Amino acid sequence: MPHRLTVTIPGNIQPLERGARFADPLDQALKVAALGEIGDEGTQMGVVDGRLGIIAADIEVTVSDLDSGLALIRKVLKAAGAPAATTITQREPIVVVHPL
């Protein structure tokens, strides 16, 4: 059964940076390991210093094996310099938050 996850990376991460720095390497690593793939990507907006701005980036991931998938996601994100406050939230079959 596939596991749907959402990676949330806090900070002012522009869409091009999100792809080049995080999503593209993660997608490649998941496919090489035959563990899954990246789905949608998104930007979270919020108030920063009294103005509307980017507060986080989201990357949707589907993995076939949760434990192996989480280990690979953590490895790739840490290598890319993702902040320690990055989270991985499991969407299906249950909701569990996994810290980076």
PDB file of N, CA and C in Angstrom:
ATOM      1  N   MET A   1       0.842  -1.176   0.000  1.00  0.00           N
ATOM      2  CA  MET A   1       0.000   0.000   0.000  1.00  0.00           C
ATOM      3  C   MET A   1       0.889   1.242   0.000  1.00  0.00           C
ATOM      4  N   PRO A   2       0.652   2.168  -0.902  1.00  0.00           N
ATOM      5  CA  PRO A   2       1.481   3.384  -0.933  1.00  0.00           C
ATOM      6  C   PRO A   2       1.184   4.294   0.256  1.00  0.00           C
ATOM      7  N   HIS A   3       2.199   5.033   0.642  1.00  0.00           N
ATOM      8  CA  HIS A   3       2.081   5.983   1.744  1.00  0.00           C
ATOM      9  C   HIS A   3       2.262   7.383   1.170  1.00  0.00           C
ATOM     10  N   ARG A   4       1.282   8.244   1.420  1.00  0.00           N
ATOM     11  CA  ARG A   4       1.355   9.617   0.942  1.00  0.00           C
ATOM     12  C   ARG A   4       1.861  10.500   2.069  1.00  0.00           C
ATOM     13  N   LEU A   5       2.910  11.271   1.754  1.00  0.00           N
ATOM     14  CA  LEU A   5       3.568  12.131   2.736  1.00  0.00           C
ATOM     15  C   LEU A   5       3.630  13.556   2.224  1.00  0.00           C
ATOM     16  N   THR A   6       3.678  14.493   3.152  1.00  0.00           N
ATOM     17  CA  THR A   6       3.923  15.890   2.804  1.00  0.00           C
ATOM     18  C   THR A   6       5.153  16.356   3.565  1.00  0.00           C
ATOM     19  N   VAL A   7       6.152  16.821   2.822  1.00  0.00           N
ATOM     20  CA  VAL A   7       7.352  17.406   3.413  1.00  0.00           C
ATOM     21  C   VAL A   7       7.127  18.905   3.482  1.00  0.00           C
ATOM     22  N   THR A   8       7.247  19.491   4.657  1.00  0.00           N
ATOM     23  CA  THR A   8       7.093  20.931   4.831  1.00  0.00           C
ATOM     24  C   THR A   8       8.429  21.505   5.293  1.00  0.00           C
ATOM     25  N   ILE A   9       8.985  22.379   4.447  1.00  0.00           N
ATOM     26  CA  ILE A   9      10.288  22.988   4.713  1.00  0.00           C
ATOM     27  C   ILE A   9      10.050  24.456   5.046  1.00  0.00           C
ATOM     28  N   PRO A  10      10.273  24.860   6.301  1.00  0.00           N
ATOM     29  CA  PRO A  10      10.006  26.245   6.680  1.00  0.00           C
ATOM     30  C   PRO A  10      11.025  27.217   6.092  1.00  0.00           C
ATOM     31  N   GLY A  11      10.561  28.432   5.834  1.00  0.00           N
ATOM     32  CA  GLY A  11      11.452  29.482   5.356  1.00  0.00           C
ATOM     33  C   GLY A  11      10.980  30.085   4.052  1.00  0.00           C
ATOM     34  N   ASN A  12      11.646  31.130   3.646  1.00  0.00           N
ATOM     35  CA  ASN A  12      11.333  31.825   2.395  1.00  0.00           C
ATOM     36  C   ASN A  12      12.018  31.088   1.247  1.00  0.00           C
ATOM     37  N   ILE A  13      11.404  30.011   0.825  1.00  0.00           N
ATOM     38  CA  ILE A  13      11.967  29.164  -0.224  1.00  0.00           C
ATOM     39  C   ILE A  13      11.161  29.402  -1.497  1.00  0.00           C
ATOM     40  N   GLN A  14      11.789  30.032  -2.459  1.00  0.00           N
ATOM     41  CA  GLN A  14      11.137  30.343  -3.725  1.00  0.00           C
ATOM     42  C   GLN A  14      10.904  29.057  -4.526  1.00  0.00           C
ATOM     43  N   PRO A  15       9.893  29.040  -5.413  1.00  0.00           N
ATOM     44  CA  PRO A  15       9.574  27.828  -6.174  1.00  0.00           C
ATOM     45  C   PRO A  15      10.756  27.235  -6.947  1.00  0.00           C
ATOM     46  N   LEU A  16      11.564  28.045  -7.588  1.00  0.00           N
ATOM     47  CA  LEU A  16      12.699  27.501  -8.339  1.00  0.00           C
ATOM     48  C   LEU A  16      13.720  26.860  -7.406  1.00  0.00           C
ATOM     49  N   GLU A  17      13.950  27.480  -6.265  1.00  0.00           N
ATOM     50  CA  GLU A  17      14.871  26.904  -5.279  1.00  0.00           C
ATOM     51  C   GLU A  17      14.306  25.598  -4.729  1.00  0.00           C
ATOM     52  N   ARG A  18      13.008  25.583  -4.442  1.00  0.00           N
ATOM     53  CA  ARG A  18      12.362  24.371  -3.921  1.00  0.00           C
ATOM     54  C   ARG A  18      12.603  23.194  -4.865  1.00  0.00           C
ATOM     55  N   GLY A  19      12.427  23.431  -6.159  1.00  0.00           N
ATOM     56  CA  GLY A  19      12.618  22.358  -7.132  1.00  0.00           C
ATOM     57  C   GLY A  19      14.064  21.925  -7.248  1.00  0.00           C
ATOM     58  N   ALA A  20      14.933  22.899  -7.498  1.00  0.00           N
ATOM     59  CA  ALA A  20      16.344  22.571  -7.744  1.00  0.00           C
ATOM     60  C   ALA A  20      17.047  22.020  -6.509  1.00  0.00           C
ATOM     61  N   ARG A  21      16.743  22.571  -5.353  1.00  0.00           N
ATOM     62  CA  ARG A  21      17.473  22.197  -4.136  1.00  0.00           C
ATOM     63  C   ARG A  21      16.881  20.989  -3.418  1.00  0.00           C
ATOM     64  N   PHE A  22      15.556  20.865  -3.443  1.00  0.00           N
ATOM     65  CA  PHE A  22      14.915  19.813  -2.650  1.00  0.00           C
ATOM     66  C   PHE A  22      14.130  18.795  -3.476  1.00  0.00           C
ATOM     67  N   ALA A  23      13.154  19.243  -4.255  1.00  0.00           N
ATOM     68  CA  ALA A  23      12.237  18.319  -4.931  1.00  0.00           C
ATOM     69  C   ALA A  23      12.920  17.475  -6.006  1.00  0.00           C
ATOM     70  N   ASP A  24      13.717  18.088  -6.861  1.00  0.00           N
ATOM     71  CA  ASP A  24      14.352  17.331  -7.953  1.00  0.00           C
ATOM     72  C   ASP A  24      15.310  16.255  -7.424  1.00  0.00           C
ATOM     73  N   PRO A  25      16.220  16.592  -6.485  1.00  0.00           N
ATOM     74  CA  PRO A  25      17.100  15.541  -5.950  1.00  0.00           C
ATOM     75  C   PRO A  25      16.324  14.444  -5.205  1.00  0.00           C
ATOM     76  N   LEU A  26      15.255  14.834  -4.514  1.00  0.00           N
ATOM     77  CA  LEU A  26      14.452  13.858  -3.784  1.00  0.00           C
ATOM     78  C   LEU A  26      13.738  12.925  -4.760  1.00  0.00           C
ATOM     79  N   ASP A  27      13.157  13.466  -5.806  1.00  0.00           N
ATOM     80  CA  ASP A  27      12.478  12.654  -6.807  1.00  0.00           C
ATOM     81  C   ASP A  27      13.456  11.671  -7.460  1.00  0.00           C
ATOM     82  N   GLN A  28      14.623  12.162  -7.814  1.00  0.00           N
ATOM     83  CA  GLN A  28      15.630  11.303  -8.442  1.00  0.00           C
ATOM     84  C   GLN A  28      16.045  10.179  -7.505  1.00  0.00           C
ATOM     85  N   ALA A  29      16.312  10.498  -6.246  1.00  0.00           N
ATOM     86  CA  ALA A  29      16.740   9.481  -5.281  1.00  0.00           C
ATOM     87  C   ALA A  29      15.652   8.432  -5.049  1.00  0.00           C
ATOM     88  N   LEU A  30      14.400   8.864  -4.949  1.00  0.00           N
ATOM     89  CA  LEU A  30      13.300   7.930  -4.745  1.00  0.00           C
ATOM     90  C   LEU A  30      13.136   6.995  -5.935  1.00  0.00           C
ATOM     91  N   LYS A  31      13.264   7.541  -7.138  1.00  0.00           N
ATOM     92  CA  LYS A  31      13.116   6.718  -8.340  1.00  0.00           C
ATOM     93  C   LYS A  31      14.275   5.739  -8.497  1.00  0.00           C
ATOM     94  N   VAL A  32      15.506   6.176  -8.242  1.00  0.00           N
ATOM     95  CA  VAL A  32      16.670   5.292  -8.334  1.00  0.00           C
ATOM     96  C   VAL A  32      16.528   4.139  -7.340  1.00  0.00           C
ATOM     97  N   ALA A  33      16.031   4.433  -6.148  1.00  0.00           N
ATOM     98  CA  ALA A  33      15.853   3.406  -5.118  1.00  0.00           C
ATOM     99  C   ALA A  33      14.567   2.598  -5.314  1.00  0.00           C
ATOM    100  N   ALA A  34      13.772   2.965  -6.316  1.00  0.00           N
ATOM    101  CA  ALA A  34      12.483   2.314  -6.587  1.00  0.00           C
ATOM    102  C   ALA A  34      11.573   2.337  -5.354  1.00  0.00           C
ATOM    103  N   LEU A  35      11.592   3.483  -4.659  1.00  0.00           N
ATOM    104  CA  LEU A  35      10.769   3.639  -3.449  1.00  0.00           C
ATOM    105  C   LEU A  35       9.562   4.537  -3.648  1.00  0.00           C
ATOM    106  N   GLY A  36       9.563   5.362  -4.688  1.00  0.00           N
ATOM    107  CA  GLY A  36       8.431   6.265  -4.862  1.00  0.00           C
ATOM    108  C   GLY A  36       8.751   7.415  -5.773  1.00  0.00           C
ATOM    109  N   GLU A  37       7.966   8.499  -5.610  1.00  0.00           N
ATOM    110  CA  GLU A  37       8.148   9.672  -6.452  1.00  0.00           C
ATOM    111  C   GLU A  37       7.528  10.909  -5.813  1.00  0.00           C
ATOM    112  N   ILE A  38       7.884  12.043  -6.378  1.00  0.00           N
ATOM    113  CA  ILE A  38       7.342  13.339  -5.964  1.00  0.00           C
ATOM    114  C   ILE A  38       6.036  13.574  -6.712  1.00  0.00           C
ATOM    115  N   GLY A  39       5.095  14.184  -6.028  1.00  0.00           N
ATOM    116  CA  GLY A  39       3.849  14.598  -6.663  1.00  0.00           C
ATOM    117  C   GLY A  39       3.836  16.108  -6.789  1.00  0.00           C
ATOM    118  N   ASP A  40       2.847  16.732  -6.201  1.00  0.00           N
ATOM    119  CA  ASP A  40       2.718  18.185  -6.262  1.00  0.00           C
ATOM    120  C   ASP A  40       3.716  18.882  -5.348  1.00  0.00           C
ATOM    121  N   GLU A  41       3.988  20.138  -5.684  1.00  0.00           N
ATOM    122  CA  GLU A  41       4.798  21.013  -4.845  1.00  0.00           C
ATOM    123  C   GLU A  41       3.989  22.280  -4.613  1.00  0.00           C
ATOM    124  N   GLY A  42       4.254  22.957  -3.502  1.00  0.00           N
ATOM    125  CA  GLY A  42       3.512  24.172  -3.230  1.00  0.00           C
ATOM    126  C   GLY A  42       4.264  25.125  -2.328  1.00  0.00           C
ATOM    127  N   THR A  43       3.704  26.317  -2.219  1.00  0.00           N
ATOM    128  CA  THR A  43       4.275  27.379  -1.401  1.00  0.00           C
ATOM    129  C   THR A  43       3.242  27.798  -0.370  1.00  0.00           C
ATOM    130  N   GLN A  44       3.649  27.875   0.888  1.00  0.00           N
ATOM    131  CA  GLN A  44       2.767  28.373   1.951  1.00  0.00           C
ATOM    132  C   GLN A  44       3.035  29.856   2.146  1.00  0.00           C
ATOM    133  N   MET A  45       1.966  30.625   2.150  1.00  0.00           N
ATOM    134  CA  MET A  45       2.060  32.065   2.364  1.00  0.00           C
ATOM    135  C   MET A  45       1.603  32.390   3.778  1.00  0.00           C
ATOM    136  N   GLY A  46       2.160  33.462   4.318  1.00  0.00           N
ATOM    137  CA  GLY A  46       1.783  33.924   5.645  1.00  0.00           C
ATOM    138  C   GLY A  46       2.345  35.309   5.879  1.00  0.00           C
ATOM    139  N   VAL A  47       2.133  35.829   7.057  1.00  0.00           N
ATOM    140  CA  VAL A  47       2.612  37.165   7.389  1.00  0.00           C
ATOM    141  C   VAL A  47       4.037  37.076   7.932  1.00  0.00           C
ATOM    142  N   VAL A  48       4.929  37.813   7.283  1.00  0.00           N
ATOM    143  CA  VAL A  48       6.333  37.879   7.675  1.00  0.00           C
ATOM    144  C   VAL A  48       6.688  39.355   7.829  1.00  0.00           C
ATOM    145  N   ASP A  49       7.082  39.763   9.033  1.00  0.00           N
ATOM    146  CA  ASP A  49       7.419  41.157   9.300  1.00  0.00           C
ATOM    147  C   ASP A  49       6.297  42.109   8.879  1.00  0.00           C
ATOM    148  N   GLY A  50       5.061  41.704   9.155  1.00  0.00           N
ATOM    149  CA  GLY A  50       3.914  42.549   8.862  1.00  0.00           C
ATOM    150  C   GLY A  50       3.466  42.557   7.411  1.00  0.00           C
ATOM    151  N   ARG A  51       4.094  41.735   6.577  1.00  0.00           N
ATOM    152  CA  ARG A  51       3.737  41.684   5.157  1.00  0.00           C
ATOM    153  C   ARG A  51       3.503  40.237   4.738  1.00  0.00           C
ATOM    154  N   LEU A  52       2.707  40.070   3.701  1.00  0.00           N
ATOM    155  CA  LEU A  52       2.461  38.746   3.161  1.00  0.00           C
ATOM    156  C   LEU A  52       3.724  38.243   2.482  1.00  0.00           C
ATOM    157  N   GLY A  53       4.131  37.027   2.808  1.00  0.00           N
ATOM    158  CA  GLY A  53       5.334  36.459   2.212  1.00  0.00           C
ATOM    159  C   GLY A  53       5.331  34.943   2.306  1.00  0.00           C
ATOM    160  N   ILE A  54       6.365  34.336   1.767  1.00  0.00           N
ATOM    161  CA  ILE A  54       6.498  32.886   1.777  1.00  0.00           C
ATOM    162  C   ILE A  54       7.022  32.444   3.146  1.00  0.00           C
ATOM    163  N   ILE A  55       6.314  31.481   3.751  1.00  0.00           N
ATOM    164  CA  ILE A  55       6.742  30.983   5.061  1.00  0.00           C
ATOM    165  C   ILE A  55       7.215  29.532   5.010  1.00  0.00           C
ATOM    166  N   ALA A  56       6.905  28.809   3.921  1.00  0.00           N
ATOM    167  CA  ALA A  56       7.327  27.411   3.825  1.00  0.00           C
ATOM    168  C   ALA A  56       7.098  26.880   2.417  1.00  0.00           C
ATOM    169  N   ALA A  57       7.734  25.765   2.136  1.00  0.00           N
ATOM    170  CA  ALA A  57       7.536  25.035   0.888  1.00  0.00           C
ATOM    171  C   ALA A  57       7.017  23.644   1.231  1.00  0.00           C
ATOM    172  N   ASP A  58       6.105  23.134   0.408  1.00  0.00           N
ATOM    173  CA  ASP A  58       5.574  21.787   0.589  1.00  0.00           C
ATOM    174  C   ASP A  58       5.931  20.933  -0.617  1.00  0.00           C
ATOM    175  N   ILE A  59       6.244  19.667  -0.346  1.00  0.00           N
ATOM    176  CA  ILE A  59       6.502  18.698  -1.403  1.00  0.00           C
ATOM    177  C   ILE A  59       5.708  17.437  -1.061  1.00  0.00           C
ATOM    178  N   GLU A  60       4.833  17.041  -1.971  1.00  0.00           N
ATOM    179  CA  GLU A  60       4.049  15.820  -1.788  1.00  0.00           C
ATOM    180  C   GLU A  60       4.870  14.636  -2.302  1.00  0.00           C
ATOM    181  N   VAL A  61       4.927  13.572  -1.506  1.00  0.00           N
ATOM    182  CA  VAL A  61       5.736  12.398  -1.836  1.00  0.00           C
ATOM    183  C   VAL A  61       4.889  11.143  -1.636  1.00  0.00           C
ATOM    184  N   THR A  62       5.034  10.180  -2.531  1.00  0.00           N
ATOM    185  CA  THR A  62       4.411   8.871  -2.365  1.00  0.00           C
ATOM    186  C   THR A  62       5.527   7.840  -2.303  1.00  0.00           C
ATOM    187  N   VAL A  63       5.508   7.009  -1.241  1.00  0.00           N
ATOM    188  CA  VAL A  63       6.518   5.965  -1.090  1.00  0.00           C
ATOM    189  C   VAL A  63       5.832   4.608  -0.923  1.00  0.00           C
ATOM    190  N   SER A  64       6.512   3.567  -1.385  1.00  0.00           N
ATOM    191  CA  SER A  64       5.958   2.217  -1.283  1.00  0.00           C
ATOM    192  C   SER A  64       6.279   1.569   0.061  1.00  0.00           C
ATOM    193  N   ASP A  65       7.402   1.950   0.661  1.00  0.00           N
ATOM    194  CA  ASP A  65       7.825   1.413   1.957  1.00  0.00           C
ATOM    195  C   ASP A  65       8.092   2.592   2.885  1.00  0.00           C
ATOM    196  N   LEU A  66       7.306   2.707   3.950  1.00  0.00           N
ATOM    197  CA  LEU A  66       7.370   3.886   4.812  1.00  0.00           C
ATOM    198  C   LEU A  66       8.734   4.041   5.481  1.00  0.00           C
ATOM    199  N   ASP A  67       9.247   3.018   6.101  1.00  0.00           N
ATOM    200  CA  ASP A  67      10.513   3.140   6.831  1.00  0.00           C
ATOM    201  C   ASP A  67      11.678   3.486   5.901  1.00  0.00           C
ATOM    202  N   SER A  68      11.801   2.761   4.809  1.00  0.00           N
ATOM    203  CA  SER A  68      12.880   3.034   3.854  1.00  0.00           C
ATOM    204  C   SER A  68      12.696   4.389   3.196  1.00  0.00           C
ATOM    205  N   GLY A  69      11.450   4.733   2.886  1.00  0.00           N
ATOM    206  CA  GLY A  69      11.159   6.025   2.273  1.00  0.00           C
ATOM    207  C   GLY A  69      11.516   7.182   3.191  1.00  0.00           C
ATOM    208  N   LEU A  70      11.140   7.082   4.458  1.00  0.00           N
ATOM    209  CA  LEU A  70      11.476   8.137   5.421  1.00  0.00           C
ATOM    210  C   LEU A  70      12.984   8.290   5.581  1.00  0.00           C
ATOM    211  N   ALA A  71      13.681   7.174   5.649  1.00  0.00           N
ATOM    212  CA  ALA A  71      15.142   7.235   5.797  1.00  0.00           C
ATOM    213  C   ALA A  71      15.778   7.942   4.602  1.00  0.00           C
ATOM    214  N   LEU A  72      15.318   7.634   3.397  1.00  0.00           N
ATOM    215  CA  LEU A  72      15.873   8.263   2.206  1.00  0.00           C
ATOM    216  C   LEU A  72      15.504   9.742   2.125  1.00  0.00           C
ATOM    217  N   ILE A  73      14.264  10.070   2.449  1.00  0.00           N
ATOM    218  CA  ILE A  73      13.830  11.472   2.444  1.00  0.00           C
ATOM    219  C   ILE A  73      14.681  12.286   3.410  1.00  0.00           C
ATOM    220  N   ARG A  74      14.861  11.783   4.626  1.00  0.00           N
ATOM    221  CA  ARG A  74      15.681  12.493   5.613  1.00  0.00           C
ATOM    222  C   ARG A  74      17.116  12.690   5.113  1.00  0.00           C
ATOM    223  N   LYS A  75      17.688  11.638   4.532  1.00  0.00           N
ATOM    224  CA  LYS A  75      19.066  11.711   4.034  1.00  0.00           C
ATOM    225  C   LYS A  75      19.201  12.788   2.955  1.00  0.00           C
ATOM    226  N   VAL A  76      18.295  12.798   1.986  1.00  0.00           N
ATOM    227  CA  VAL A  76      18.362  13.759   0.888  1.00  0.00           C
ATOM    228  C   VAL A  76      18.133  15.184   1.398  1.00  0.00           C
ATOM    229  N   LEU A  77      17.150  15.366   2.264  1.00  0.00           N
ATOM    230  CA  LEU A  77      16.852  16.717   2.774  1.00  0.00           C
ATOM    231  C   LEU A  77      17.989  17.258   3.638  1.00  0.00           C
ATOM    232  N   LYS A  78      18.565  16.416   4.469  1.00  0.00           N
ATOM    233  CA  LYS A  78      19.701  16.861   5.290  1.00  0.00           C
ATOM    234  C   LYS A  78      20.888  17.239   4.416  1.00  0.00           C
ATOM    235  N   ALA A  79      21.150  16.444   3.368  1.00  0.00           N
ATOM    236  CA  ALA A  79      22.244  16.747   2.447  1.00  0.00           C
ATOM    237  C   ALA A  79      22.009  18.068   1.713  1.00  0.00           C
ATOM    238  N   ALA A  80      20.737  18.416   1.499  1.00  0.00           N
ATOM    239  CA  ALA A  80      20.384  19.659   0.813  1.00  0.00           C
ATOM    240  C   ALA A  80      20.343  20.854   1.768  1.00  0.00           C
ATOM    241  N   GLY A  81      20.567  20.606   3.056  1.00  0.00           N
ATOM    242  CA  GLY A  81      20.576  21.695   4.032  1.00  0.00           C
ATOM    243  C   GLY A  81      19.206  22.134   4.494  1.00  0.00           C
ATOM    244  N   ALA A  82      18.241  21.222   4.499  1.00  0.00           N
ATOM    245  CA  ALA A  82      16.904  21.572   4.987  1.00  0.00           C
ATOM    246  C   ALA A  82      16.982  21.933   6.474  1.00  0.00           C
ATOM    247  N   PRO A  83      16.213  22.927   6.910  1.00  0.00           N
ATOM    248  CA  PRO A  83      16.226  23.318   8.323  1.00  0.00           C
ATOM    249  C   PRO A  83      15.771  22.178   9.237  1.00  0.00           C
ATOM    250  N   ALA A  84      16.253  22.180  10.457  1.00  0.00           N
ATOM    251  CA  ALA A  84      15.886  21.147  11.428  1.00  0.00           C
ATOM    252  C   ALA A  84      14.388  21.132  11.718  1.00  0.00           C
ATOM    253  N   ALA A  85      13.693  22.240  11.507  1.00  0.00           N
ATOM    254  CA  ALA A  85      12.255  22.324  11.758  1.00  0.00           C
ATOM    255  C   ALA A  85      11.418  21.732  10.625  1.00  0.00           C
ATOM    256  N   THR A  86      12.065  21.174   9.611  1.00  0.00           N
ATOM    257  CA  THR A  86      11.353  20.521   8.512  1.00  0.00           C
ATOM    258  C   THR A  86      10.580  19.329   9.067  1.00  0.00           C
ATOM    259  N   THR A  87       9.346  19.121   8.569  1.00  0.00           N
ATOM    260  CA  THR A  87       8.533  17.991   9.013  1.00  0.00           C
ATOM    261  C   THR A  87       8.108  17.145   7.829  1.00  0.00           C
ATOM    262  N   ILE A  88       7.824  15.886   8.129  1.00  0.00           N
ATOM    263  CA  ILE A  88       7.280  14.955   7.153  1.00  0.00           C
ATOM    264  C   ILE A  88       5.977  14.442   7.759  1.00  0.00           C
ATOM    265  N   THR A  89       4.855  14.767   7.137  1.00  0.00           N
ATOM    266  CA  THR A  89       3.549  14.392   7.654  1.00  0.00           C
ATOM    267  C   THR A  89       2.966  13.291   6.794  1.00  0.00           C
ATOM    268  N   GLN A  90       2.558  12.212   7.430  1.00  0.00           N
ATOM    269  CA  GLN A  90       1.949  11.105   6.704  1.00  0.00           C
ATOM    270  C   GLN A  90       0.475  11.402   6.517  1.00  0.00           C
ATOM    271  N   ARG A  91      -0.009  11.379   5.262  1.00  0.00           N
ATOM    272  CA  ARG A  91      -1.401  11.689   4.956  1.00  0.00           C
ATOM    273  C   ARG A  91      -2.268  10.446   4.871  1.00  0.00           C
ATOM    274  N   GLU A  92      -1.734   9.360   4.334  1.00  0.00           N
ATOM    275  CA  GLU A  92      -2.487   8.112   4.219  1.00  0.00           C
ATOM    276  C   GLU A  92      -1.550   6.961   4.511  1.00  0.00           C
ATOM    277  N   PRO A  93      -1.934   5.965   5.238  1.00  0.00           N
ATOM    278  CA  PRO A  93      -3.275   5.702   5.721  1.00  0.00           C
ATOM    279  C   PRO A  93      -3.640   6.413   7.014  1.00  0.00           C
ATOM    280  N   ILE A  94      -2.664   6.919   7.786  1.00  0.00           N
ATOM    281  CA  ILE A  94      -2.970   7.650   9.012  1.00  0.00           C
ATOM    282  C   ILE A  94      -2.093   8.893   9.064  1.00  0.00           C
ATOM    283  N   VAL A  95      -2.430   9.814   9.944  1.00  0.00           N
ATOM    284  CA  VAL A  95      -1.645  11.038  10.065  1.00  0.00           C
ATOM    285  C   VAL A  95      -0.654  10.903  11.207  1.00  0.00           C
ATOM    286  N   VAL A  96       0.633  11.008  10.889  1.00  0.00           N
ATOM    287  CA  VAL A  96       1.726  10.948  11.850  1.00  0.00           C
ATOM    288  C   VAL A  96       2.750  11.974  11.421  1.00  0.00           C
ATOM    289  N   VAL A  97       3.262  12.754  12.343  1.00  0.00           N
ATOM    290  CA  VAL A  97       4.305  13.707  11.988  1.00  0.00           C
ATOM    291  C   VAL A  97       5.657  13.109  12.328  1.00  0.00           C
ATOM    292  N   HIS A  98       6.541  13.108  11.339  1.00  0.00           N
ATOM    293  CA  HIS A  98       7.895  12.585  11.501  1.00  0.00           C
ATOM    294  C   HIS A  98       8.873  13.754  11.412  1.00  0.00           C
ATOM    295  N   PRO A  99       9.623  14.041  12.458  1.00  0.00           N
ATOM    296  CA  PRO A  99      10.598  15.130  12.359  1.00  0.00           C
ATOM    297  C   PRO A  99      11.719  14.762  11.407  1.00  0.00           C
ATOM    298  N   LEU A 100      12.360  15.794  10.872  1.00  0.00           N
ATOM    299  CA  LEU A 100      13.478  15.580   9.967  1.00  0.00           C
ATOM    300  C   LEU A 100      14.573  14.884  10.739  1.00  0.00           C
TER     301      LEU A 100
END
